[in-house]
Amino acid sequence: MVDVHTEIEIDRPRSDVAAYASNPDNALAWYEHIKEVDWNHAKPLGVGSRIVFVAHFLGRRLDYVYEVKALVPGERFVMATAEGPFPMETTYSWEDTAGGGTKMSLRNRGRPSGLSRLTAPLLAGAMRRANRKDLKRLKAVLER
């Protein structure tokens, strides 16, 4: 099992951070490895919406379809993919900070299969580094 949890504080109200981060159309601005986003479901975003993400990670092109499993505006957003060698669930959550900003948490967890299972520890480390960089990019975008 791979379970990577990262978080960051962003000097913006929780409603702003959550609305921006949970909108798949904004992924290209703050996820370094995501290169394309395509909705397989009519907007607006809701439970059951399916979004295709194309990423380049560790030298490979990854096409995967995430389905929205939970959406509580301003609190929690959960997407999961059951396809490919690494089925994964991604959870965003947001909390108010004492200073009026937002603590955003990003959690990726999944159970790799096949060869991915053998490289899970390396994959977890790479995901942790990528998530930290992505959250820093999100912070920079939102605090401009």
Protein backbone atom coordinates (compact mmCIF):
# COMPACT_ATOMS: atom_id res chain seq x y z
CA MET A 1 0.00 0.00 0.00
CA VAL A 2 1.26 3.48 -0.89
CA ASP A 3 -0.07 6.31 1.26
CA VAL A 4 1.43 9.76 0.71
CA HIS A 5 0.17 12.73 2.71
CA THR A 6 1.38 16.31 2.21
CA GLU A 7 0.05 19.66 3.35
CA ILE A 8 0.68 23.36 3.07
CA GLU A 9 -0.66 26.62 4.46
CA ILE A 10 -1.93 29.13 1.93
CA ASP A 11 -2.65 32.75 2.78
CA ARG A 12 -6.10 32.79 1.18
CA PRO A 13 -9.58 32.02 2.52
CA ARG A 14 -10.57 28.35 2.53
CA SER A 15 -13.42 28.91 0.08
CA ASP A 16 -11.01 30.39 -2.50
CA VAL A 17 -8.40 27.64 -2.12
CA ALA A 18 -10.97 24.84 -2.23
CA ALA A 19 -12.81 26.24 -5.24
CA TYR A 20 -9.59 26.67 -7.21
CA ALA A 21 -7.90 23.39 -6.25
CA SER A 22 -10.98 21.23 -6.80
CA ASN A 23 -11.58 22.58 -10.30
CA PRO A 24 -9.90 20.14 -12.72
CA ASP A 25 -9.53 22.92 -15.30
CA ASN A 26 -6.96 24.55 -12.99
CA ALA A 27 -4.79 21.43 -12.66
CA LEU A 28 -2.48 22.49 -15.48
CA ALA A 29 -1.55 25.65 -13.56
CA TRP A 30 -0.34 23.91 -10.42
CA TYR A 31 0.34 20.23 -11.15
CA GLU A 32 3.74 20.00 -12.81
CA HIS A 33 3.21 16.56 -14.30
CA ILE A 34 -0.35 16.96 -15.62
CA LYS A 35 -0.28 17.93 -19.27
CA GLU A 36 -3.93 17.53 -20.34
CA VAL A 37 -7.36 17.49 -18.69
CA ASP A 38 -10.51 16.32 -20.44
CA TRP A 39 -13.96 16.04 -18.91
CA ASN A 40 -15.78 12.78 -19.63
CA HIS A 41 -18.84 14.20 -17.96
CA ALA A 42 -20.78 17.41 -18.33
CA LYS A 43 -19.87 20.25 -16.02
CA PRO A 44 -20.35 21.23 -13.23
CA LEU A 45 -18.24 18.92 -11.15
CA GLY A 46 -20.16 16.50 -8.94
CA VAL A 47 -20.08 13.01 -7.49
CA GLY A 48 -19.83 10.63 -10.43
CA SER A 49 -18.07 13.13 -12.72
CA ARG A 50 -15.24 11.53 -14.68
CA ILE A 51 -12.11 13.44 -15.67
CA VAL A 52 -9.29 12.19 -17.89
CA PHE A 53 -5.84 13.33 -16.87
CA VAL A 54 -2.73 12.90 -19.00
CA ALA A 55 0.47 13.10 -16.99
CA HIS A 56 4.16 12.57 -17.55
CA PHE A 57 5.72 11.06 -14.45
CA LEU A 58 9.05 9.27 -14.03
CA GLY A 59 9.61 9.36 -17.77
CA ARG A 60 6.27 7.77 -18.68
CA ARG A 61 3.03 9.03 -20.14
CA LEU A 62 0.11 8.13 -17.90
CA ASP A 63 -3.49 8.42 -19.07
CA TYR A 64 -5.99 7.80 -16.32
CA VAL A 65 -9.64 8.47 -15.59
CA TYR A 66 -10.57 9.74 -12.16
CA GLU A 67 -14.13 9.51 -10.89
CA VAL A 68 -15.32 11.96 -8.25
CA LYS A 69 -16.29 9.94 -5.16
CA ALA A 70 -17.01 12.76 -2.70
CA LEU A 71 -17.36 16.52 -2.95
CA VAL A 72 -18.08 18.65 0.09
CA PRO A 73 -17.43 22.22 -1.11
CA GLY A 74 -14.81 23.95 1.00
CA GLU A 75 -14.06 20.82 3.03
CA ARG A 76 -13.17 17.71 1.04
CA PHE A 77 -12.78 16.45 -2.54
CA VAL A 78 -12.10 12.78 -3.29
CA MET A 79 -11.32 11.24 -6.70
CA ALA A 80 -10.34 7.67 -7.50
CA THR A 81 -9.12 5.68 -10.47
CA ALA A 82 -9.42 1.93 -10.70
CA GLU A 83 -7.57 1.61 -14.01
CA GLY A 84 -3.97 0.87 -14.83
CA PRO A 85 -1.14 -0.65 -12.82
CA PHE A 86 -1.65 1.74 -9.91
CA PRO A 87 -5.28 2.25 -8.82
CA MET A 88 -5.27 5.32 -6.62
CA GLU A 89 -7.47 7.59 -4.54
CA THR A 90 -6.65 11.29 -4.24
CA THR A 91 -8.14 13.35 -1.42
CA TYR A 92 -7.96 17.11 -0.97
CA SER A 93 -9.09 18.60 2.33
CA TRP A 94 -9.11 22.13 3.61
CA GLU A 95 -9.16 23.71 7.07
CA ASP A 96 -9.09 27.29 8.29
CA THR A 97 -5.87 28.48 9.92
CA ALA A 98 -5.74 30.81 12.92
CA GLY A 99 -4.46 33.62 10.68
CA GLY A 100 -7.38 33.47 8.26
CA GLY A 101 -5.66 31.32 5.66
CA THR A 102 -6.09 27.69 4.70
CA LYS A 103 -4.31 24.46 5.49
CA MET A 104 -4.65 22.22 2.45
CA SER A 105 -3.92 18.51 2.68
CA LEU A 106 -3.27 16.30 -0.33
CA ARG A 107 -3.33 12.55 0.12
CA ASN A 108 -2.65 9.90 -2.53
CA ARG A 109 -3.13 6.29 -1.61
CA GLY A 110 -3.36 3.13 -3.59
CA ARG A 111 -2.35 -0.46 -3.99
CA PRO A 112 0.06 -0.95 -6.89
CA SER A 113 -0.08 -4.19 -8.85
CA GLY A 114 2.37 -6.00 -11.10
CA LEU A 115 5.81 -4.41 -11.44
CA SER A 116 4.54 -1.24 -9.77
CA ARG A 117 4.24 -3.21 -6.55
CA LEU A 118 7.98 -3.85 -6.55
CA THR A 119 8.82 -0.18 -6.96
CA ALA A 120 6.18 1.11 -4.50
CA PRO A 121 8.69 2.55 -1.98
CA LEU A 122 10.49 4.49 -4.74
CA LEU A 123 7.18 5.57 -6.21
CA ALA A 124 5.97 6.84 -2.82
CA GLY A 125 9.10 8.98 -2.43
CA ALA A 126 8.74 10.42 -5.92
CA MET A 127 5.05 11.14 -5.29
CA ARG A 128 5.83 12.88 -2.00
CA ARG A 129 8.42 15.13 -3.69
CA ALA A 130 6.07 15.89 -6.59
CA ASN A 131 3.16 16.65 -4.25
CA ARG A 132 5.27 19.06 -2.19
CA LYS A 133 6.32 20.88 -5.36
CA ASP A 134 2.74 20.97 -6.64
CA LEU A 135 1.39 22.39 -3.39
CA LYS A 136 4.11 25.05 -3.44
CA ARG A 137 3.06 25.94 -6.99
CA LEU A 138 -0.58 26.12 -5.87
CA LYS A 139 0.41 28.41 -3.01
CA ALA A 140 2.35 30.68 -5.38
CA VAL A 141 -0.56 30.85 -7.84
CA LEU A 142 -3.13 31.67 -5.17
CA GLU A 143 -1.02 34.13 -3.19
CA ARG A 144 -0.06 36.25 -6.22
